[in-house]
Amino acid sequence: MSPTYRMPDPVTRDREAAIAAVRDALAAARCAARLAGLVSDELVVRELLLDVIDQTDRAERGVARLVSTSFRDVVPRRLHL
């Protein structure tokens, strides 16, 4: 017999959707900053864009930690057979 799968409750589903939206936004910001850096010839602009990329990477790592923490809180201690 296979283990029972419990669908996530609406709060968990909404939180996961919000986290996915934040990750998508960070990825889009990172891509836009890289593209802008490629077309700019000014050193100051490139340095600022590199800082934007670093900060989006930092924010994404924070989201990843949040996801792993919330996942541990939601996963049942044992599977129901």
PDB file of N, CA and C in Angstrom:
ATOM      1  N   MET A   1       0.843  -1.170   0.000  1.00  0.00           N
ATOM      2  CA  MET A   1       0.000   0.000   0.000  1.00  0.00           C
ATOM      3  C   MET A   1       0.894   1.241   0.000  1.00  0.00           C
ATOM      4  N   SER A   2       0.539   2.191  -0.795  1.00  0.00           N
ATOM      5  CA  SER A   2       1.352   3.405  -0.883  1.00  0.00           C
ATOM      6  C   SER A   2       0.975   4.380   0.234  1.00  0.00           C
ATOM      7  N   PRO A   3       1.906   5.269   0.595  1.00  0.00           N
ATOM      8  CA  PRO A   3       1.614   6.240   1.645  1.00  0.00           C
ATOM      9  C   PRO A   3       0.520   7.216   1.211  1.00  0.00           C
ATOM     10  N   THR A   4      -0.200   7.710   2.159  1.00  0.00           N
ATOM     11  CA  THR A   4      -1.255   8.686   1.898  1.00  0.00           C
ATOM     12  C   THR A   4      -0.619  10.051   1.682  1.00  0.00           C
ATOM     13  N   TYR A   5      -1.081  10.745   0.668  1.00  0.00           N
ATOM     14  CA  TYR A   5      -0.589  12.092   0.405  1.00  0.00           C
ATOM     15  C   TYR A   5      -1.654  13.078   0.847  1.00  0.00           C
ATOM     16  N   ARG A   6      -1.253  14.010   1.683  1.00  0.00           N
ATOM     17  CA  ARG A   6      -2.182  15.040   2.128  1.00  0.00           C
ATOM     18  C   ARG A   6      -1.931  16.305   1.331  1.00  0.00           C
ATOM     19  N   MET A   7      -2.981  16.812   0.747  1.00  0.00           N
ATOM     20  CA  MET A   7      -2.877  18.065   0.010  1.00  0.00           C
ATOM     21  C   MET A   7      -2.565  19.184   0.998  1.00  0.00           C
ATOM     22  N   PRO A   8      -1.743  20.164   0.596  1.00  0.00           N
ATOM     23  CA  PRO A   8      -1.437  21.270   1.503  1.00  0.00           C
ATOM     24  C   PRO A   8      -2.691  22.100   1.781  1.00  0.00           C
ATOM     25  N   ASP A   9      -2.749  22.625   2.965  1.00  0.00           N
ATOM     26  CA  ASP A   9      -3.883  23.471   3.324  1.00  0.00           C
ATOM     27  C   ASP A   9      -3.779  24.789   2.555  1.00  0.00           C
ATOM     28  N   PRO A  10      -4.864  25.553   2.485  1.00  0.00           N
ATOM     29  CA  PRO A  10      -4.847  26.798   1.693  1.00  0.00           C
ATOM     30  C   PRO A  10      -3.782  27.799   2.136  1.00  0.00           C
ATOM     31  N   VAL A  11      -3.512  27.890   3.424  1.00  0.00           N
ATOM     32  CA  VAL A  11      -2.498  28.830   3.908  1.00  0.00           C
ATOM     33  C   VAL A  11      -1.120  28.437   3.386  1.00  0.00           C
ATOM     34  N   THR A  12      -0.800  27.151   3.467  1.00  0.00           N
ATOM     35  CA  THR A  12       0.491  26.665   2.964  1.00  0.00           C
ATOM     36  C   THR A  12       0.594  26.875   1.465  1.00  0.00           C
ATOM     37  N   ARG A  13      -0.474  26.586   0.747  1.00  0.00           N
ATOM     38  CA  ARG A  13      -0.486  26.755  -0.701  1.00  0.00           C
ATOM     39  C   ARG A  13      -0.269  28.227  -1.066  1.00  0.00           C
ATOM     40  N   ASP A  14      -0.933  29.136  -0.347  1.00  0.00           N
ATOM     41  CA  ASP A  14      -0.772  30.567  -0.618  1.00  0.00           C
ATOM     42  C   ASP A  14       0.642  31.031  -0.305  1.00  0.00           C
ATOM     43  N   ARG A  15       1.214  30.530   0.798  1.00  0.00           N
ATOM     44  CA  ARG A  15       2.583  30.913   1.167  1.00  0.00           C
ATOM     45  C   ARG A  15       3.561  30.428   0.106  1.00  0.00           C
ATOM     46  N   GLU A  16       3.389  29.205  -0.370  1.00  0.00           N
ATOM     47  CA  GLU A  16       4.281  28.676  -1.399  1.00  0.00           C
ATOM     48  C   GLU A  16       4.146  29.451  -2.700  1.00  0.00           C
ATOM     49  N   ALA A  17       2.931  29.871  -3.038  1.00  0.00           N
ATOM     50  CA  ALA A  17       2.729  30.675  -4.251  1.00  0.00           C
ATOM     51  C   ALA A  17       3.397  32.042  -4.110  1.00  0.00           C
ATOM     52  N   ALA A  18       3.295  32.637  -2.927  1.00  0.00           N
ATOM     53  CA  ALA A  18       3.933  33.941  -2.694  1.00  0.00           C
ATOM     54  C   ALA A  18       5.448  33.827  -2.781  1.00  0.00           C
ATOM     55  N   ILE A  19       6.000  32.769  -2.208  1.00  0.00           N
ATOM     56  CA  ILE A  19       7.447  32.558  -2.263  1.00  0.00           C
ATOM     57  C   ILE A  19       7.902  32.344  -3.698  1.00  0.00           C
ATOM     58  N   ALA A  20       7.132  31.588  -4.465  1.00  0.00           N
ATOM     59  CA  ALA A  20       7.472  31.368  -5.876  1.00  0.00           C
ATOM     60  C   ALA A  20       7.424  32.682  -6.647  1.00  0.00           C
ATOM     61  N   ALA A  21       6.461  33.540  -6.348  1.00  0.00           N
ATOM     62  CA  ALA A  21       6.363  34.834  -7.027  1.00  0.00           C
ATOM     63  C   ALA A  21       7.567  35.713  -6.695  1.00  0.00           C
ATOM     64  N   VAL A  22       8.016  35.686  -5.442  1.00  0.00           N
ATOM     65  CA  VAL A  22       9.196  36.469  -5.052  1.00  0.00           C
ATOM     66  C   VAL A  22      10.429  35.949  -5.769  1.00  0.00           C
ATOM     67  N   ARG A  23      10.578  34.634  -5.828  1.00  0.00           N
ATOM     68  CA  ARG A  23      11.742  34.062  -6.526  1.00  0.00           C
ATOM     69  C   ARG A  23      11.735  34.435  -8.007  1.00  0.00           C
ATOM     70  N   ASP A  24      10.556  34.394  -8.635  1.00  0.00           N
ATOM     71  CA  ASP A  24      10.453  34.779 -10.049  1.00  0.00           C
ATOM     72  C   ASP A  24      10.812  36.247 -10.251  1.00  0.00           C
ATOM     73  N   ALA A  25      10.340  37.100  -9.346  1.00  0.00           N
ATOM     74  CA  ALA A  25      10.649  38.530  -9.455  1.00  0.00           C
ATOM     75  C   ALA A  25      12.144  38.779  -9.289  1.00  0.00           C
ATOM     76  N   LEU A  26      12.763  38.074  -8.352  1.00  0.00           N
ATOM     77  CA  LEU A  26      14.210  38.227  -8.158  1.00  0.00           C
ATOM     78  C   LEU A  26      14.979  37.767  -9.387  1.00  0.00           C
ATOM     79  N   ALA A  27      14.550  36.673  -9.989  1.00  0.00           N
ATOM     80  CA  ALA A  27      15.215  36.180 -11.197  1.00  0.00           C
ATOM     81  C   ALA A  27      15.067  37.183 -12.335  1.00  0.00           C
ATOM     82  N   ALA A  28      13.895  37.778 -12.469  1.00  0.00           N
ATOM     83  CA  ALA A  28      13.679  38.772 -13.523  1.00  0.00           C
ATOM     84  C   ALA A  28      14.533  40.011 -13.280  1.00  0.00           C
ATOM     85  N   ALA A  29      14.631  40.449 -12.023  1.00  0.00           N
ATOM     86  CA  ALA A  29      15.462  41.618 -11.704  1.00  0.00           C
ATOM     87  C   ALA A  29      16.926  41.330 -11.999  1.00  0.00           C
ATOM     88  N   ARG A  30      17.380  40.125 -11.676  1.00  0.00           N
ATOM     89  CA  ARG A  30      18.767  39.762 -11.937  1.00  0.00           C
ATOM     90  C   ARG A  30      19.047  39.775 -13.441  1.00  0.00           C
ATOM     91  N   CYS A  31      18.145  39.213 -14.220  1.00  0.00           N
ATOM     92  CA  CYS A  31      18.330  39.190 -15.678  1.00  0.00           C
ATOM     93  C   CYS A  31      18.344  40.601 -16.252  1.00  0.00           C
ATOM     94  N   ALA A  32      17.447  41.456 -15.774  1.00  0.00           N
ATOM     95  CA  ALA A  32      17.392  42.833 -16.266  1.00  0.00           C
ATOM     96  C   ALA A  32      18.676  43.583 -15.919  1.00  0.00           C
ATOM     97  N   ALA A  33      19.185  43.366 -14.718  1.00  0.00           N
ATOM     98  CA  ALA A  33      20.423  44.038 -14.313  1.00  0.00           C
ATOM     99  C   ALA A  33      21.602  43.561 -15.160  1.00  0.00           C
ATOM    100  N   ARG A  34      21.660  42.271 -15.428  1.00  0.00           N
ATOM    101  CA  ARG A  34      22.761  41.756 -16.269  1.00  0.00           C
ATOM    102  C   ARG A  34      22.683  42.324 -17.680  1.00  0.00           C
ATOM    103  N   LEU A  35      21.478  42.351 -18.219  1.00  0.00           N
ATOM    104  CA  LEU A  35      21.306  42.892 -19.562  1.00  0.00           C
ATOM    105  C   LEU A  35      21.674  44.369 -19.609  1.00  0.00           C
ATOM    106  N   ALA A  36      21.244  45.126 -18.618  1.00  0.00           N
ATOM    107  CA  ALA A  36      21.583  46.554 -18.570  1.00  0.00           C
ATOM    108  C   ALA A  36      23.087  46.746 -18.435  1.00  0.00           C
ATOM    109  N   GLY A  37      23.744  45.880 -17.677  1.00  0.00           N
ATOM    110  CA  GLY A  37      25.190  45.971 -17.522  1.00  0.00           C
ATOM    111  C   GLY A  37      25.935  45.693 -18.807  1.00  0.00           C
ATOM    112  N   LEU A  38      25.361  44.834 -19.643  1.00  0.00           N
ATOM    113  CA  LEU A  38      26.015  44.511 -20.913  1.00  0.00           C
ATOM    114  C   LEU A  38      25.982  45.675 -21.897  1.00  0.00           C
ATOM    115  N   VAL A  39      24.931  46.487 -21.836  1.00  0.00           N
ATOM    116  CA  VAL A  39      24.803  47.566 -22.815  1.00  0.00           C
ATOM    117  C   VAL A  39      25.365  48.897 -22.313  1.00  0.00           C
ATOM    118  N   SER A  40      25.740  48.956 -21.045  1.00  0.00           N
ATOM    119  CA  SER A  40      26.260  50.213 -20.497  1.00  0.00           C
ATOM    120  C   SER A  40      27.784  50.244 -20.596  1.00  0.00           C
ATOM    121  N   ASP A  41      28.303  51.423 -20.940  1.00  0.00           N
ATOM    122  CA  ASP A  41      29.746  51.603 -21.018  1.00  0.00           C
ATOM    123  C   ASP A  41      30.308  52.285 -19.774  1.00  0.00           C
ATOM    124  N   GLU A  42      29.436  52.781 -18.903  1.00  0.00           N
ATOM    125  CA  GLU A  42      29.891  53.523 -17.734  1.00  0.00           C
ATOM    126  C   GLU A  42      30.229  52.576 -16.591  1.00  0.00           C
ATOM    127  N   LEU A  43      31.389  52.778 -16.004  1.00  0.00           N
ATOM    128  CA  LEU A  43      31.861  51.922 -14.916  1.00  0.00           C
ATOM    129  C   LEU A  43      30.958  52.017 -13.687  1.00  0.00           C
ATOM    130  N   VAL A  44      30.501  53.216 -13.358  1.00  0.00           N
ATOM    131  CA  VAL A  44      29.664  53.402 -12.174  1.00  0.00           C
ATOM    132  C   VAL A  44      28.359  52.631 -12.326  1.00  0.00           C
ATOM    133  N   VAL A  45      27.769  52.693 -13.507  1.00  0.00           N
ATOM    134  CA  VAL A  45      26.516  51.980 -13.755  1.00  0.00           C
ATOM    135  C   VAL A  45      26.736  50.483 -13.624  1.00  0.00           C
ATOM    136  N   ARG A  46      27.812  49.985 -14.190  1.00  0.00           N
ATOM    137  CA  ARG A  46      28.100  48.552 -14.100  1.00  0.00           C
ATOM    138  C   ARG A  46      28.307  48.119 -12.651  1.00  0.00           C
ATOM    139  N   GLU A  47      29.016  48.912 -11.878  1.00  0.00           N
ATOM    140  CA  GLU A  47      29.250  48.579 -10.464  1.00  0.00           C
ATOM    141  C   GLU A  47      27.941  48.553  -9.690  1.00  0.00           C
ATOM    142  N   LEU A  48      27.074  49.522  -9.944  1.00  0.00           N
ATOM    143  CA  LEU A  48      25.773  49.538  -9.277  1.00  0.00           C
ATOM    144  C   LEU A  48      24.933  48.320  -9.672  1.00  0.00           C
ATOM    145  N   LEU A  49      24.977  47.959 -10.928  1.00  0.00           N
ATOM    146  CA  LEU A  49      24.216  46.797 -11.383  1.00  0.00           C
ATOM    147  C   LEU A  49      24.767  45.502 -10.786  1.00  0.00           C
ATOM    148  N   LEU A  50      26.082  45.416 -10.642  1.00  0.00           N
ATOM    149  CA  LEU A  50      26.657  44.241  -9.981  1.00  0.00           C
ATOM    150  C   LEU A  50      26.189  44.159  -8.527  1.00  0.00           C
ATOM    151  N   ASP A  51      26.068  45.315  -7.879  1.00  0.00           N
ATOM    152  CA  ASP A  51      25.556  45.341  -6.510  1.00  0.00           C
ATOM    153  C   ASP A  51      24.096  44.894  -6.467  1.00  0.00           C
ATOM    154  N   VAL A  52      23.308  45.317  -7.459  1.00  0.00           N
ATOM    155  CA  VAL A  52      21.906  44.877  -7.541  1.00  0.00           C
ATOM    156  C   VAL A  52      21.845  43.358  -7.691  1.00  0.00           C
ATOM    157  N   ILE A  53      22.690  42.813  -8.537  1.00  0.00           N
ATOM    158  CA  ILE A  53      22.719  41.361  -8.733  1.00  0.00           C
ATOM    159  C   ILE A  53      23.105  40.656  -7.433  1.00  0.00           C
ATOM    160  N   ASP A  54      24.108  41.174  -6.736  1.00  0.00           N
ATOM    161  CA  ASP A  54      24.514  40.579  -5.457  1.00  0.00           C
ATOM    162  C   ASP A  54      23.373  40.600  -4.444  1.00  0.00           C
ATOM    163  N   GLN A  55      22.656  41.714  -4.400  1.00  0.00           N
ATOM    164  CA  GLN A  55      21.557  41.812  -3.440  1.00  0.00           C
ATOM    165  C   GLN A  55      20.390  40.905  -3.803  1.00  0.00           C
ATOM    166  N   THR A  56      20.107  40.734  -5.083  1.00  0.00           N
ATOM    167  CA  THR A  56      19.037  39.810  -5.468  1.00  0.00           C
ATOM    168  C   THR A  56      19.444  38.373  -5.156  1.00  0.00           C
ATOM    169  N   ASP A  57      20.721  38.048  -5.349  1.00  0.00           N
ATOM    170  CA  ASP A  57      21.200  36.719  -4.971  1.00  0.00           C
ATOM    171  C   ASP A  57      21.042  36.499  -3.474  1.00  0.00           C
ATOM    172  N   ARG A  58      21.368  37.508  -2.693  1.00  0.00           N
ATOM    173  CA  ARG A  58      21.236  37.424  -1.231  1.00  0.00           C
ATOM    174  C   ARG A  58      19.772  37.235  -0.830  1.00  0.00           C
ATOM    175  N   ALA A  59      18.894  37.983  -1.475  1.00  0.00           N
ATOM    176  CA  ALA A  59      17.462  37.848  -1.176  1.00  0.00           C
ATOM    177  C   ALA A  59      16.951  36.463  -1.561  1.00  0.00           C
ATOM    178  N   GLU A  60      17.431  35.935  -2.663  1.00  0.00           N
ATOM    179  CA  GLU A  60      16.982  34.597  -3.077  1.00  0.00           C
ATOM    180  C   GLU A  60      17.463  33.528  -2.102  1.00  0.00           C
ATOM    181  N   ARG A  61      18.671  33.686  -1.580  1.00  0.00           N
ATOM    182  CA  ARG A  61      19.138  32.738  -0.565  1.00  0.00           C
ATOM    183  C   ARG A  61      18.263  32.812   0.687  1.00  0.00           C
ATOM    184  N   GLY A  62      17.833  34.022   1.038  1.00  0.00           N
ATOM    185  CA  GLY A  62      16.926  34.183   2.172  1.00  0.00           C
ATOM    186  C   GLY A  62      15.595  33.499   1.928  1.00  0.00           C
ATOM    187  N   VAL A  63      15.081  33.620   0.713  1.00  0.00           N
ATOM    188  CA  VAL A  63      13.827  32.936   0.365  1.00  0.00           C
ATOM    189  C   VAL A  63      14.021  31.424   0.421  1.00  0.00           C
ATOM    190  N   ALA A  64      15.162  30.945  -0.053  1.00  0.00           N
ATOM    191  CA  ALA A  64      15.430  29.508  -0.007  1.00  0.00           C
ATOM    192  C   ALA A  64      15.457  28.999   1.432  1.00  0.00           C
ATOM    193  N   ARG A  65      16.050  29.793   2.339  1.00  0.00           N
ATOM    194  CA  ARG A  65      16.043  29.396   3.755  1.00  0.00           C
ATOM    195  C   ARG A  65      14.626  29.396   4.306  1.00  0.00           C
ATOM    196  N   LEU A  66      13.840  30.377   3.916  1.00  0.00           N
ATOM    197  CA  LEU A  66      12.452  30.452   4.354  1.00  0.00           C
ATOM    198  C   LEU A  66      11.667  29.243   3.862  1.00  0.00           C
ATOM    199  N   VAL A  67      11.888  28.870   2.621  1.00  0.00           N
ATOM    200  CA  VAL A  67      11.196  27.715   2.052  1.00  0.00           C
ATOM    201  C   VAL A  67      11.578  26.448   2.806  1.00  0.00           C
ATOM    202  N   SER A  68      12.865  26.252   3.056  1.00  0.00           N
ATOM    203  CA  SER A  68      13.280  25.024   3.741  1.00  0.00           C
ATOM    204  C   SER A  68      12.759  24.995   5.166  1.00  0.00           C
ATOM    205  N   THR A  69      12.692  26.142   5.832  1.00  0.00           N
ATOM    206  CA  THR A  69      12.160  26.198   7.190  1.00  0.00           C
ATOM    207  C   THR A  69      10.668  25.930   7.199  1.00  0.00           C
ATOM    208  N   SER A  70       9.922  26.548   6.289  1.00  0.00           N
ATOM    209  CA  SER A  70       8.476  26.341   6.262  1.00  0.00           C
ATOM    210  C   SER A  70       8.152  24.921   5.831  1.00  0.00           C
ATOM    211  N   PHE A  71       8.979  24.333   4.956  1.00  0.00           N
ATOM    212  CA  PHE A  71       8.745  22.961   4.531  1.00  0.00           C
ATOM    213  C   PHE A  71       8.917  22.004   5.704  1.00  0.00           C
ATOM    214  N   ARG A  72       9.944  22.226   6.525  1.00  0.00           N
ATOM    215  CA  ARG A  72      10.150  21.364   7.697  1.00  0.00           C
ATOM    216  C   ARG A  72       8.983  21.467   8.655  1.00  0.00           C
ATOM    217  N   ASP A  73       8.399  22.665   8.772  1.00  0.00           N
ATOM    218  CA  ASP A  73       7.281  22.857   9.690  1.00  0.00           C
ATOM    219  C   ASP A  73       6.017  22.168   9.204  1.00  0.00           C
ATOM    220  N   VAL A  74       5.880  21.974   7.885  1.00  0.00           N
ATOM    221  CA  VAL A  74       4.654  21.429   7.317  1.00  0.00           C
ATOM    222  C   VAL A  74       4.722  19.913   7.163  1.00  0.00           C
ATOM    223  N   VAL A  75       5.902  19.364   6.913  1.00  0.00           N
ATOM    224  CA  VAL A  75       6.032  17.932   6.654  1.00  0.00           C
ATOM    225  C   VAL A  75       5.664  17.146   7.907  1.00  0.00           C
ATOM    226  N   PRO A  76       4.788  16.145   7.761  1.00  0.00           N
ATOM    227  CA  PRO A  76       4.424  15.343   8.935  1.00  0.00           C
ATOM    228  C   PRO A  76       5.609  14.541   9.445  1.00  0.00           C
ATOM    229  N   ARG A  77       5.606  14.255  10.727  1.00  0.00           N
ATOM    230  CA  ARG A  77       6.703  13.514  11.339  1.00  0.00           C
ATOM    231  C   ARG A  77       6.807  12.092  10.805  1.00  0.00           C
ATOM    232  N   ARG A  78       5.690  11.464  10.511  1.00  0.00           N
ATOM    233  CA  ARG A  78       5.711  10.105   9.952  1.00  0.00           C
ATOM    234  C   ARG A  78       4.627   9.973   8.911  1.00  0.00           C
ATOM    235  N   LEU A  79       4.820   9.083   7.982  1.00  0.00           N
ATOM    236  CA  LEU A  79       3.844   8.849   6.942  1.00  0.00           C
ATOM    237  C   LEU A  79       2.750   7.928   7.456  1.00  0.00           C
ATOM    238  N   HIS A  80       1.535   8.173   6.992  1.00  0.00           N
ATOM    239  CA  HIS A  80       0.413   7.313   7.353  1.00  0.00           C
ATOM    240  C   HIS A  80       0.329   6.205   6.318  1.00  0.00           C
ATOM    241  N   LEU A  81       0.311   4.980   6.763  1.00  0.00           N
ATOM    242  CA  LEU A  81       0.227   3.842   5.825  1.00  0.00           C
ATOM    243  C   LEU A  81      -1.148   3.250   5.837  1.00  0.00           C
TER     244      LEU A  81
END
